[in-house]
PDB file of all heavy atoms in Angstrom:
ATOM      1  N   LEU A   1      -6.609  26.361  34.247  1.00  0.00           N
ATOM      2  CA  LEU A   1      -7.621  25.566  33.523  1.00  0.00           C
ATOM      3  C   LEU A   1      -8.837  26.408  33.121  1.00  0.00           C
ATOM      4  O   LEU A   1      -9.347  26.222  32.018  1.00  0.00           O
ATOM      5  CB  LEU A   1      -8.057  24.352  34.551  1.00  0.00           C
ATOM      6  CG  LEU A   1      -9.060  23.423  33.879  1.00  0.00           C
ATOM      7  CD1 LEU A   1      -8.523  22.728  32.672  1.00  0.00           C
ATOM      8  CD2 LEU A   1      -9.559  22.426  34.970  1.00  0.00           C
ATOM      9  N   LYS A   2      -9.230  27.257  33.951  1.00  0.00           N
ATOM     10  CA  LYS A   2     -10.302  28.261  33.573  1.00  0.00           C
ATOM     11  C   LYS A   2      -9.998  28.956  32.300  1.00  0.00           C
ATOM     12  O   LYS A   2     -10.805  29.026  31.377  1.00  0.00           O
ATOM     13  CB  LYS A   2     -10.621  29.178  34.693  1.00  0.00           C
ATOM     14  CG  LYS A   2     -11.398  28.590  35.887  1.00  0.00           C
ATOM     15  CD  LYS A   2     -11.608  29.569  36.932  1.00  0.00           C
ATOM     16  CE  LYS A   2     -12.287  28.969  38.208  1.00  0.00           C
ATOM     17  NZ  LYS A   2     -12.464  29.928  39.343  1.00  0.00           N
ATOM     18  N   GLU A   3      -8.709  29.457  32.146  1.00  0.00           N
ATOM     19  CA  GLU A   3      -8.317  30.185  30.950  1.00  0.00           C
ATOM     20  C   GLU A   3      -8.275  29.251  29.829  1.00  0.00           C
ATOM     21  O   GLU A   3      -8.689  29.573  28.682  1.00  0.00           O
ATOM     22  CB  GLU A   3      -6.919  30.864  31.228  1.00  0.00           C
ATOM     23  CG  GLU A   3      -7.112  32.033  32.205  1.00  0.00           C
ATOM     24  CD  GLU A   3      -8.023  33.142  31.782  1.00  0.00           C
ATOM     25  OE1 GLU A   3      -7.912  33.530  30.627  1.00  0.00           O
ATOM     26  OE2 GLU A   3      -8.936  33.515  32.555  1.00  0.00           O
ATOM     27  N   TYR A   4      -7.744  28.088  30.099  1.00  0.00           N
ATOM     28  CA  TYR A   4      -7.536  27.060  28.990  1.00  0.00           C
ATOM     29  C   TYR A   4      -8.886  26.683  28.422  1.00  0.00           C
ATOM     30  O   TYR A   4      -9.059  26.563  27.216  1.00  0.00           O
ATOM     31  CB  TYR A   4      -6.742  25.839  29.544  1.00  0.00           C
ATOM     32  CG  TYR A   4      -6.472  24.761  28.524  1.00  0.00           C
ATOM     33  CD1 TYR A   4      -5.673  25.067  27.402  1.00  0.00           C
ATOM     34  CD2 TYR A   4      -7.033  23.495  28.531  1.00  0.00           C
ATOM     35  CE1 TYR A   4      -5.306  24.065  26.435  1.00  0.00           C
ATOM     36  CE2 TYR A   4      -6.663  22.509  27.682  1.00  0.00           C
ATOM     37  CZ  TYR A   4      -5.907  22.904  26.579  1.00  0.00           C
ATOM     38  OH  TYR A   4      -5.496  21.909  25.707  1.00  0.00           O
ATOM     39  N   LEU A   5      -9.863  26.462  29.288  1.00  0.00           N
ATOM     40  CA  LEU A   5     -11.195  26.057  28.833  1.00  0.00           C
ATOM     41  C   LEU A   5     -11.955  27.147  27.960  1.00  0.00           C
ATOM     42  O   LEU A   5     -12.802  26.816  27.238  1.00  0.00           O
ATOM     43  CB  LEU A   5     -12.044  25.651  30.021  1.00  0.00           C
ATOM     44  CG  LEU A   5     -11.693  24.311  30.707  1.00  0.00           C
ATOM     45  CD1 LEU A   5     -12.525  24.092  31.947  1.00  0.00           C
ATOM     46  CD2 LEU A   5     -11.662  23.127  29.780  1.00  0.00           C
ATOM     47  N   LYS A   6     -11.487  28.369  28.165  1.00  0.00           N
ATOM     48  CA  LYS A   6     -12.038  29.466  27.381  1.00  0.00           C
ATOM     49  C   LYS A   6     -11.635  29.382  25.939  1.00  0.00           C
ATOM     50  O   LYS A   6     -12.327  29.749  25.055  1.00  0.00           O
ATOM     51  CB  LYS A   6     -11.570  30.861  27.901  1.00  0.00           C
ATOM     52  CG  LYS A   6     -12.269  31.217  29.180  1.00  0.00           C
ATOM     53  CD  LYS A   6     -11.714  32.540  29.686  1.00  0.00           C
ATOM     54  CE  LYS A   6     -12.319  32.862  31.002  1.00  0.00           C
ATOM     55  NZ  LYS A   6     -11.674  34.223  31.522  1.00  0.00           N
ATOM     56  N   VAL A   7     -10.375  28.822  25.702  1.00  0.00           N
ATOM     57  CA  VAL A   7      -9.861  28.774  24.314  1.00  0.00           C
ATOM     58  C   VAL A   7     -10.105  27.371  23.681  1.00  0.00           C
ATOM     59  O   VAL A   7     -10.037  27.249  22.512  1.00  0.00           O
ATOM     60  CB  VAL A   7      -8.370  29.164  24.239  1.00  0.00           C
ATOM     61  CG1 VAL A   7      -8.218  30.563  24.628  1.00  0.00           C
ATOM     62  CG2 VAL A   7      -7.546  28.228  24.982  1.00  0.00           C
ATOM     63  N   VAL A   8     -10.321  26.341  24.544  1.00  0.00           N
ATOM     64  CA  VAL A   8     -10.610  25.044  24.024  1.00  0.00           C
ATOM     65  C   VAL A   8     -12.168  24.952  23.797  1.00  0.00           C
ATOM     66  O   VAL A   8     -12.931  24.701  24.679  1.00  0.00           O
ATOM     67  CB  VAL A   8     -10.165  23.892  24.977  1.00  0.00           C
ATOM     68  CG1 VAL A   8     -10.539  22.534  24.446  1.00  0.00           C
ATOM     69  CG2 VAL A   8      -8.587  23.958  25.204  1.00  0.00           C
ATOM     70  N   LYS A   9     -12.520  25.221  22.604  1.00  0.00           N
ATOM     71  CA  LYS A   9     -13.919  25.288  22.233  1.00  0.00           C
ATOM     72  C   LYS A   9     -14.327  24.069  21.470  1.00  0.00           C
ATOM     73  O   LYS A   9     -13.519  23.317  20.978  1.00  0.00           O
ATOM     74  CB  LYS A   9     -14.272  26.561  21.437  1.00  0.00           C
ATOM     75  CG  LYS A   9     -13.929  27.803  22.180  1.00  0.00           C
ATOM     76  CD  LYS A   9     -14.112  29.022  21.324  1.00  0.00           C
ATOM     77  CE  LYS A   9     -13.734  30.220  22.016  1.00  0.00           C
ATOM     78  NZ  LYS A   9     -13.783  31.442  21.203  1.00  0.00           N
ATOM     79  N   GLU A  10     -15.642  24.021  21.263  1.00  0.00           N
ATOM     80  CA  GLU A  10     -16.060  22.905  20.347  1.00  0.00           C
ATOM     81  C   GLU A  10     -15.469  23.275  18.986  1.00  0.00           C
ATOM     82  O   GLU A  10     -15.428  24.449  18.604  1.00  0.00           O
ATOM     83  CB  GLU A  10     -17.579  22.934  20.304  1.00  0.00           C
ATOM     84  CG  GLU A  10     -18.309  22.499  21.597  1.00  0.00           C
ATOM     85  CD  GLU A  10     -17.984  21.008  21.868  1.00  0.00           C
ATOM     86  OE1 GLU A  10     -18.045  20.215  20.945  1.00  0.00           O
ATOM     87  OE2 GLU A  10     -17.665  20.726  23.050  1.00  0.00           O
ATOM     88  N   PRO A  11     -15.168  22.207  18.120  1.00  0.00           N
ATOM     89  CA  PRO A  11     -14.556  22.449  16.890  1.00  0.00           C
ATOM     90  C   PRO A  11     -15.616  23.291  16.049  1.00  0.00           C
ATOM     91  O   PRO A  11     -16.772  23.073  16.084  1.00  0.00           O
ATOM     92  CB  PRO A  11     -14.371  21.037  16.292  1.00  0.00           C
ATOM     93  CG  PRO A  11     -14.276  20.175  17.484  1.00  0.00           C
ATOM     94  CD  PRO A  11     -15.186  20.784  18.577  1.00  0.00           C
ATOM     95  N   LEU A  12     -15.092  24.149  15.208  1.00  0.00           N
ATOM     96  CA  LEU A  12     -15.866  24.919  14.280  1.00  0.00           C
ATOM     97  C   LEU A  12     -16.064  24.101  13.117  1.00  0.00           C
ATOM     98  O   LEU A  12     -15.179  23.519  12.422  1.00  0.00           O
ATOM     99  CB  LEU A  12     -15.118  26.241  13.811  1.00  0.00           C
ATOM    100  CG  LEU A  12     -15.782  26.997  12.703  1.00  0.00           C
ATOM    101  CD1 LEU A  12     -17.025  27.653  13.045  1.00  0.00           C
ATOM    102  CD2 LEU A  12     -14.686  28.030  12.204  1.00  0.00           C
ATOM    103  N   LYS A  13     -17.321  23.823  12.722  1.00  0.00           N
ATOM    104  CA  LYS A  13     -17.624  23.063  11.559  1.00  0.00           C
ATOM    105  C   LYS A  13     -17.389  23.864  10.270  1.00  0.00           C
ATOM    106  O   LYS A  13     -17.903  24.948  10.078  1.00  0.00           O
ATOM    107  CB  LYS A  13     -18.995  22.551  11.545  1.00  0.00           C
ATOM    108  CG  LYS A  13     -19.323  21.516  12.666  1.00  0.00           C
ATOM    109  CD  LYS A  13     -18.629  20.225  12.426  1.00  0.00           C
ATOM    110  CE  LYS A  13     -18.928  19.288  13.520  1.00  0.00           C
ATOM    111  NZ  LYS A  13     -18.047  18.127  13.588  1.00  0.00           N
ATOM    112  N   ILE A  14     -16.463  23.474   9.424  1.00  0.00           N
ATOM    113  CA  ILE A  14     -16.181  24.121   8.208  1.00  0.00           C
ATOM    114  C   ILE A  14     -17.053  23.466   7.216  1.00  0.00           C
ATOM    115  O   ILE A  14     -17.027  22.257   6.960  1.00  0.00           O
ATOM    116  CB  ILE A  14     -14.667  23.995   7.759  1.00  0.00           C
ATOM    117  CG1 ILE A  14     -13.790  24.460   8.846  1.00  0.00           C
ATOM    118  CG2 ILE A  14     -14.432  24.606   6.421  1.00  0.00           C
ATOM    119  CD1 ILE A  14     -13.849  25.856   9.158  1.00  0.00           C
ATOM    120  N   GLU A  15     -17.940  24.302   6.608  1.00  0.00           N
ATOM    121  CA  GLU A  15     -19.049  23.813   5.770  1.00  0.00           C
ATOM    122  C   GLU A  15     -18.905  22.507   5.194  1.00  0.00           C
ATOM    123  O   GLU A  15     -18.026  22.268   4.229  1.00  0.00           O
ATOM    124  CB  GLU A  15     -19.096  24.880   4.676  1.00  0.00           C
ATOM    125  CG  GLU A  15     -20.352  24.716   3.801  1.00  0.00           C
ATOM    126  CD  GLU A  15     -20.465  25.889   2.876  1.00  0.00           C
ATOM    127  OE1 GLU A  15     -20.543  27.106   3.259  1.00  0.00           O
ATOM    128  OE2 GLU A  15     -20.621  25.655   1.702  1.00  0.00           O
ATOM    129  N   PHE A  16     -19.522  21.499   5.733  1.00  0.00           N
ATOM    130  CA  PHE A  16     -19.628  20.207   5.335  1.00  0.00           C
ATOM    131  C   PHE A  16     -18.364  19.358   5.065  1.00  0.00           C
ATOM    132  O   PHE A  16     -18.323  18.220   4.617  1.00  0.00           O
ATOM    133  CB  PHE A  16     -20.451  20.046   4.051  1.00  0.00           C
ATOM    134  CG  PHE A  16     -19.927  20.835   2.837  1.00  0.00           C
ATOM    135  CD1 PHE A  16     -18.869  20.378   2.146  1.00  0.00           C
ATOM    136  CD2 PHE A  16     -20.530  22.002   2.466  1.00  0.00           C
ATOM    137  CE1 PHE A  16     -18.402  21.072   0.992  1.00  0.00           C
ATOM    138  CE2 PHE A  16     -20.105  22.714   1.389  1.00  0.00           C
ATOM    139  CZ  PHE A  16     -18.935  22.308   0.670  1.00  0.00           C
ATOM    140  N   LYS A  17     -17.113  20.010   5.435  1.00  0.00           N
ATOM    141  CA  LYS A  17     -15.899  19.191   5.084  1.00  0.00           C
ATOM    142  C   LYS A  17     -14.840  19.185   6.167  1.00  0.00           C
ATOM    143  O   LYS A  17     -13.786  18.569   5.889  1.00  0.00           O
ATOM    144  CB  LYS A  17     -15.272  19.841   3.842  1.00  0.00           C
ATOM    145  CG  LYS A  17     -16.092  19.627   2.571  1.00  0.00           C
ATOM    146  CD  LYS A  17     -16.084  18.165   2.213  1.00  0.00           C
ATOM    147  CE  LYS A  17     -16.963  18.030   0.947  1.00  0.00           C
ATOM    148  NZ  LYS A  17     -17.115  16.733   0.605  1.00  0.00           N
ATOM    149  N   GLY A  18     -15.055  19.757   7.354  1.00  0.00           N
ATOM    150  CA  GLY A  18     -13.913  19.556   8.295  1.00  0.00           C
ATOM    151  C   GLY A  18     -14.118  20.325   9.603  1.00  0.00           C
ATOM    152  O   GLY A  18     -15.215  20.915   9.861  1.00  0.00           O
ATOM    153  N   ASP A  19     -13.079  20.378  10.409  1.00  0.00           N
ATOM    154  CA  ASP A  19     -13.248  20.966  11.788  1.00  0.00           C
ATOM    155  C   ASP A  19     -12.026  21.843  12.078  1.00  0.00           C
ATOM    156  O   ASP A  19     -10.886  21.742  11.500  1.00  0.00           O
ATOM    157  CB  ASP A  19     -13.194  19.957  12.935  1.00  0.00           C
ATOM    158  CG  ASP A  19     -14.393  19.039  12.843  1.00  0.00           C
ATOM    159  OD1 ASP A  19     -15.505  19.497  12.670  1.00  0.00           O
ATOM    160  OD2 ASP A  19     -14.197  17.832  12.927  1.00  0.00           O
ATOM    161  N   LEU A  20     -12.130  22.868  12.887  1.00  0.00           N
ATOM    162  CA  LEU A  20     -11.120  23.735  13.349  1.00  0.00           C
ATOM    163  C   LEU A  20     -11.301  23.917  14.845  1.00  0.00           C
ATOM    164  O   LEU A  20     -12.449  24.228  15.263  1.00  0.00           O
ATOM    165  CB  LEU A  20     -11.217  25.081  12.686  1.00  0.00           C
ATOM    166  CG  LEU A  20     -10.301  26.240  13.152  1.00  0.00           C
ATOM    167  CD1 LEU A  20      -8.811  25.851  12.902  1.00  0.00           C
ATOM    168  CD2 LEU A  20     -10.645  27.458  12.595  1.00  0.00           C
ATOM    169  N   ALA A  21     -10.283  23.692  15.652  1.00  0.00           N
ATOM    170  CA  ALA A  21     -10.446  23.968  17.056  1.00  0.00           C
ATOM    171  C   ALA A  21      -9.148  24.678  17.579  1.00  0.00           C
ATOM    172  O   ALA A  21      -8.059  24.397  17.197  1.00  0.00           O
ATOM    173  CB  ALA A  21     -10.590  22.574  17.797  1.00  0.00           C
ATOM    174  N   ARG A  22      -9.364  25.642  18.431  1.00  0.00           N
ATOM    175  CA  ARG A  22      -8.193  26.263  19.120  1.00  0.00           C
ATOM    176  C   ARG A  22      -7.738  25.379  20.239  1.00  0.00           C
ATOM    177  O   ARG A  22      -8.543  24.992  21.119  1.00  0.00           O
ATOM    178  CB  ARG A  22      -8.669  27.632  19.639  1.00  0.00           C
ATOM    179  CG  ARG A  22      -7.509  28.443  20.056  1.00  0.00           C
ATOM    180  CD  ARG A  22      -7.962  29.819  20.399  1.00  0.00           C
ATOM    181  NE  ARG A  22      -6.793  30.697  20.687  1.00  0.00           N
ATOM    182  CZ  ARG A  22      -6.791  31.977  20.644  1.00  0.00           C
ATOM    183  NH1 ARG A  22      -7.963  32.663  20.387  1.00  0.00           N
ATOM    184  NH2 ARG A  22      -5.751  32.670  20.904  1.00  0.00           N
ATOM    185  N   ILE A  23      -6.490  25.033  20.274  1.00  0.00           N
ATOM    186  CA  ILE A  23      -5.990  24.151  21.317  1.00  0.00           C
ATOM    187  C   ILE A  23      -5.421  24.850  22.461  1.00  0.00           C
ATOM    188  O   ILE A  23      -5.718  24.639  23.609  1.00  0.00           O
ATOM    189  CB  ILE A  23      -4.927  23.180  20.652  1.00  0.00           C
ATOM    190  CG1 ILE A  23      -5.609  22.268  19.595  1.00  0.00           C
ATOM    191  CG2 ILE A  23      -4.285  22.302  21.674  1.00  0.00           C
ATOM    192  CD1 ILE A  23      -4.657  21.456  18.885  1.00  0.00           C
ATOM    193  N   TRP A  24      -4.565  25.875  22.185  1.00  0.00           N
ATOM    194  CA  TRP A  24      -3.932  26.625  23.198  1.00  0.00           C
ATOM    195  C   TRP A  24      -3.300  27.839  22.657  1.00  0.00           C
ATOM    196  O   TRP A  24      -2.572  27.777  21.688  1.00  0.00           O
ATOM    197  CB  TRP A  24      -2.729  25.766  23.850  1.00  0.00           C
ATOM    198  CG  TRP A  24      -2.082  26.386  24.971  1.00  0.00           C
ATOM    199  CD1 TRP A  24      -1.028  27.356  24.913  1.00  0.00           C
ATOM    200  CD2 TRP A  24      -2.279  26.242  26.411  1.00  0.00           C
ATOM    201  NE1 TRP A  24      -0.608  27.765  26.132  1.00  0.00           N
ATOM    202  CE2 TRP A  24      -1.344  27.057  27.073  1.00  0.00           C
ATOM    203  CE3 TRP A  24      -3.172  25.405  27.106  1.00  0.00           C
ATOM    204  CZ2 TRP A  24      -1.319  27.117  28.488  1.00  0.00           C
ATOM    205  CZ3 TRP A  24      -3.084  25.493  28.501  1.00  0.00           C
ATOM    206  CH2 TRP A  24      -2.134  26.355  29.180  1.00  0.00           C
ATOM    207  N   GLY A  25      -3.556  28.968  23.223  1.00  0.00           N
ATOM    208  CA  GLY A  25      -2.951  30.239  22.764  1.00  0.00           C
ATOM    209  C   GLY A  25      -3.149  30.361  21.276  1.00  0.00           C
ATOM    210  O   GLY A  25      -4.212  30.542  20.747  1.00  0.00           O
ATOM    211  N   SER A  26      -2.036  30.322  20.452  1.00  0.00           N
ATOM    212  CA  SER A  26      -2.154  30.508  19.048  1.00  0.00           C
ATOM    213  C   SER A  26      -2.000  29.239  18.320  1.00  0.00           C
ATOM    214  O   SER A  26      -1.776  29.220  17.097  1.00  0.00           O
ATOM    215  CB  SER A  26      -1.074  31.504  18.607  1.00  0.00           C
ATOM    216  OG  SER A  26       0.165  30.954  18.929  1.00  0.00           O
ATOM    217  N   GLU A  27      -2.244  28.048  18.935  1.00  0.00           N
ATOM    218  CA  GLU A  27      -2.162  26.801  18.283  1.00  0.00           C
ATOM    219  C   GLU A  27      -3.616  26.319  17.925  1.00  0.00           C
ATOM    220  O   GLU A  27      -4.503  26.362  18.664  1.00  0.00           O
ATOM    221  CB  GLU A  27      -1.521  25.740  19.223  1.00  0.00           C
ATOM    222  CG  GLU A  27      -0.137  25.981  19.509  1.00  0.00           C
ATOM    223  CD  GLU A  27       0.518  24.958  20.400  1.00  0.00           C
ATOM    224  OE1 GLU A  27       0.101  23.789  20.413  1.00  0.00           O
ATOM    225  OE2 GLU A  27       1.430  25.331  21.211  1.00  0.00           O
ATOM    226  N   PHE A  28      -3.731  25.944  16.675  1.00  0.00           N
ATOM    227  CA  PHE A  28      -5.061  25.444  16.155  1.00  0.00           C
ATOM    228  C   PHE A  28      -4.921  24.089  15.585  1.00  0.00           C
ATOM    229  O   PHE A  28      -3.827  23.776  15.061  1.00  0.00           O
ATOM    230  CB  PHE A  28      -5.586  26.438  15.014  1.00  0.00           C
ATOM    231  CG  PHE A  28      -5.939  27.756  15.629  1.00  0.00           C
ATOM    232  CD1 PHE A  28      -4.982  28.723  15.725  1.00  0.00           C
ATOM    233  CD2 PHE A  28      -7.228  28.002  15.952  1.00  0.00           C
ATOM    234  CE1 PHE A  28      -5.300  29.956  16.304  1.00  0.00           C
ATOM    235  CE2 PHE A  28      -7.583  29.303  16.459  1.00  0.00           C
ATOM    236  CZ  PHE A  28      -6.661  30.282  16.600  1.00  0.00           C
ATOM    237  N   GLN A  29      -5.979  23.272  15.619  1.00  0.00           N
ATOM    238  CA  GLN A  29      -6.047  21.980  15.015  1.00  0.00           C
ATOM    239  C   GLN A  29      -6.985  22.067  13.926  1.00  0.00           C
ATOM    240  O   GLN A  29      -8.154  22.469  14.074  1.00  0.00           O
ATOM    241  CB  GLN A  29      -6.446  20.958  16.033  1.00  0.00           C
ATOM    242  CG  GLN A  29      -6.557  19.550  15.404  1.00  0.00           C
ATOM    243  CD  GLN A  29      -7.027  18.520  16.396  1.00  0.00           C
ATOM    244  OE1 GLN A  29      -6.965  18.777  17.591  1.00  0.00           O
ATOM    245  NE2 GLN A  29      -7.449  17.444  15.896  1.00  0.00           N
ATOM    246  N   ILE A  30      -6.595  21.785  12.651  1.00  0.00           N
ATOM    247  CA  ILE A  30      -7.450  21.803  11.502  1.00  0.00           C
ATOM    248  C   ILE A  30      -7.552  20.373  10.894  1.00  0.00           C
ATOM    249  O   ILE A  30      -6.633  19.728  10.728  1.00  0.00           O
ATOM    250  CB  ILE A  30      -6.863  22.767  10.419  1.00  0.00           C
ATOM    251  CG1 ILE A  30      -6.769  24.104  11.061  1.00  0.00           C
ATOM    252  CG2 ILE A  30      -7.796  22.726   9.243  1.00  0.00           C
ATOM    253  CD1 ILE A  30      -5.990  25.098  10.150  1.00  0.00           C
ATOM    254  N   THR A  31      -8.785  19.953  10.701  1.00  0.00           N
ATOM    255  CA  THR A  31      -9.082  18.670  10.052  1.00  0.00           C
ATOM    256  C   THR A  31      -9.923  18.882   8.877  1.00  0.00           C
ATOM    257  O   THR A  31     -11.119  19.451   8.990  1.00  0.00           O
ATOM    258  CB  THR A  31      -9.761  17.718  11.085  1.00  0.00           C
ATOM    259  OG1 THR A  31      -9.082  17.630  12.260  1.00  0.00           O
ATOM    260  CG2 THR A  31      -9.980  16.321  10.454  1.00  0.00           C
ATOM    261  N   ILE A  32      -9.476  18.554   7.696  1.00  0.00           N
ATOM    262  CA  ILE A  32     -10.222  18.589   6.489  1.00  0.00           C
ATOM    263  C   ILE A  32     -10.616  17.200   6.100  1.00  0.00           C
ATOM    264  O   ILE A  32      -9.771  16.324   6.069  1.00  0.00           O
ATOM    265  CB  ILE A  32      -9.535  19.315   5.334  1.00  0.00           C
ATOM    266  CG1 ILE A  32      -9.015  20.717   5.709  1.00  0.00           C
ATOM    267  CG2 ILE A  32     -10.333  19.253   4.054  1.00  0.00           C
ATOM    268  CD1 ILE A  32     -10.116  21.737   5.879  1.00  0.00           C
ATOM    269  N   GLU A  33     -11.871  16.913   5.930  1.00  0.00           N
ATOM    270  CA  GLU A  33     -12.291  15.599   5.697  1.00  0.00           C
ATOM    271  C   GLU A  33     -12.571  15.407   4.235  1.00  0.00           C
ATOM    272  O   GLU A  33     -13.193  16.212   3.564  1.00  0.00           O
ATOM    273  CB  GLU A  33     -13.579  15.322   6.446  1.00  0.00           C
ATOM    274  CG  GLU A  33     -13.408  15.493   7.998  1.00  0.00           C
ATOM    275  CD  GLU A  33     -14.604  15.464   8.726  1.00  0.00           C
ATOM    276  OE1 GLU A  33     -15.757  15.380   8.131  1.00  0.00           O
ATOM    277  OE2 GLU A  33     -14.660  15.489  10.006  1.00  0.00           O
ATOM    278  N   GLY A  34     -12.279  14.207   3.717  1.00  0.00           N
ATOM    279  CA  GLY A  34     -12.509  13.843   2.282  1.00  0.00           C
ATOM    280  C   GLY A  34     -11.814  14.672   1.228  1.00  0.00           C
ATOM    281  O   GLY A  34     -10.950  15.382   1.541  1.00  0.00           O
ATOM    282  N   GLN A  35     -12.223  14.499   0.013  1.00  0.00           N
ATOM    283  CA  GLN A  35     -11.708  15.142  -1.101  1.00  0.00           C
ATOM    284  C   GLN A  35     -12.414  16.452  -1.318  1.00  0.00           C
ATOM    285  O   GLN A  35     -13.618  16.482  -1.332  1.00  0.00           O
ATOM    286  CB  GLN A  35     -11.775  14.297  -2.426  1.00  0.00           C
ATOM    287  CG  GLN A  35     -11.107  12.980  -2.335  1.00  0.00           C
ATOM    288  CD  GLN A  35      -9.567  13.167  -2.476  1.00  0.00           C
ATOM    289  OE1 GLN A  35      -9.128  14.072  -3.131  1.00  0.00           O
ATOM    290  NE2 GLN A  35      -8.814  12.265  -1.845  1.00  0.00           N
ATOM    291  N   LEU A  36     -11.667  17.550  -1.500  1.00  0.00           N
ATOM    292  CA  LEU A  36     -12.248  18.882  -1.763  1.00  0.00           C
ATOM    293  C   LEU A  36     -11.914  19.343  -3.181  1.00  0.00           C
ATOM    294  O   LEU A  36     -10.841  19.198  -3.595  1.00  0.00           O
ATOM    295  CB  LEU A  36     -11.765  19.878  -0.837  1.00  0.00           C
ATOM    296  CG  LEU A  36     -12.046  19.761   0.662  1.00  0.00           C
ATOM    297  CD1 LEU A  36     -11.432  20.922   1.389  1.00  0.00           C
ATOM    298  CD2 LEU A  36     -13.561  19.664   0.924  1.00  0.00           C
ATOM    299  N   GLY A  37     -12.969  19.822  -3.884  1.00  0.00           N
ATOM    300  CA  GLY A  37     -12.711  20.472  -5.165  1.00  0.00           C
ATOM    301  C   GLY A  37     -12.061  21.800  -4.914  1.00  0.00           C
ATOM    302  O   GLY A  37     -12.060  22.265  -3.839  1.00  0.00           O
ATOM    303  N   GLN A  38     -11.609  22.461  -5.981  1.00  0.00           N
ATOM    304  CA  GLN A  38     -10.887  23.784  -5.724  1.00  0.00           C
ATOM    305  C   GLN A  38     -11.862  24.761  -5.130  1.00  0.00           C
ATOM    306  O   GLN A  38     -11.399  25.480  -4.191  1.00  0.00           O
ATOM    307  CB  GLN A  38     -10.397  24.257  -7.120  1.00  0.00           C
ATOM    308  CG  GLN A  38      -9.628  25.566  -6.983  1.00  0.00           C
ATOM    309  CD  GLN A  38      -9.123  26.092  -8.335  1.00  0.00           C
ATOM    310  OE1 GLN A  38      -9.299  25.440  -9.326  1.00  0.00           O
ATOM    311  NE2 GLN A  38      -8.391  27.155  -8.314  1.00  0.00           N
ATOM    312  N   ASP A  39     -13.043  24.939  -5.538  1.00  0.00           N
ATOM    313  CA  ASP A  39     -13.960  25.891  -4.992  1.00  0.00           C
ATOM    314  C   ASP A  39     -14.302  25.540  -3.504  1.00  0.00           C
ATOM    315  O   ASP A  39     -14.337  26.437  -2.643  1.00  0.00           O
ATOM    316  CB  ASP A  39     -15.289  25.960  -5.736  1.00  0.00           C
ATOM    317  CG  ASP A  39     -15.088  26.556  -7.116  1.00  0.00           C
ATOM    318  OD1 ASP A  39     -14.156  27.277  -7.375  1.00  0.00           O
ATOM    319  OD2 ASP A  39     -15.917  26.295  -8.015  1.00  0.00           O
ATOM    320  N   GLU A  40     -14.451  24.349  -3.189  1.00  0.00           N
ATOM    321  CA  GLU A  40     -14.772  23.875  -1.831  1.00  0.00           C
ATOM    322  C   GLU A  40     -13.560  24.130  -0.937  1.00  0.00           C
ATOM    323  O   GLU A  40     -13.735  24.647   0.170  1.00  0.00           O
ATOM    324  CB  GLU A  40     -15.125  22.381  -1.731  1.00  0.00           C
ATOM    325  CG  GLU A  40     -16.428  22.077  -2.391  1.00  0.00           C
ATOM    326  CD  GLU A  40     -16.622  20.560  -2.494  1.00  0.00           C
ATOM    327  OE1 GLU A  40     -15.608  19.906  -2.845  1.00  0.00           O
ATOM    328  OE2 GLU A  40     -17.700  20.138  -2.260  1.00  0.00           O
TER     329      GLU A  40
END
């Protein structure tokens, strides 16, 4: 659990549009919110 809590961090806020969180080892959860233009 100590090791797991090191990699389970608060989600990284992706500039105004989503989240990224490391779940376990090399597994990540990515959430993109809303409609994004190509540049965004």
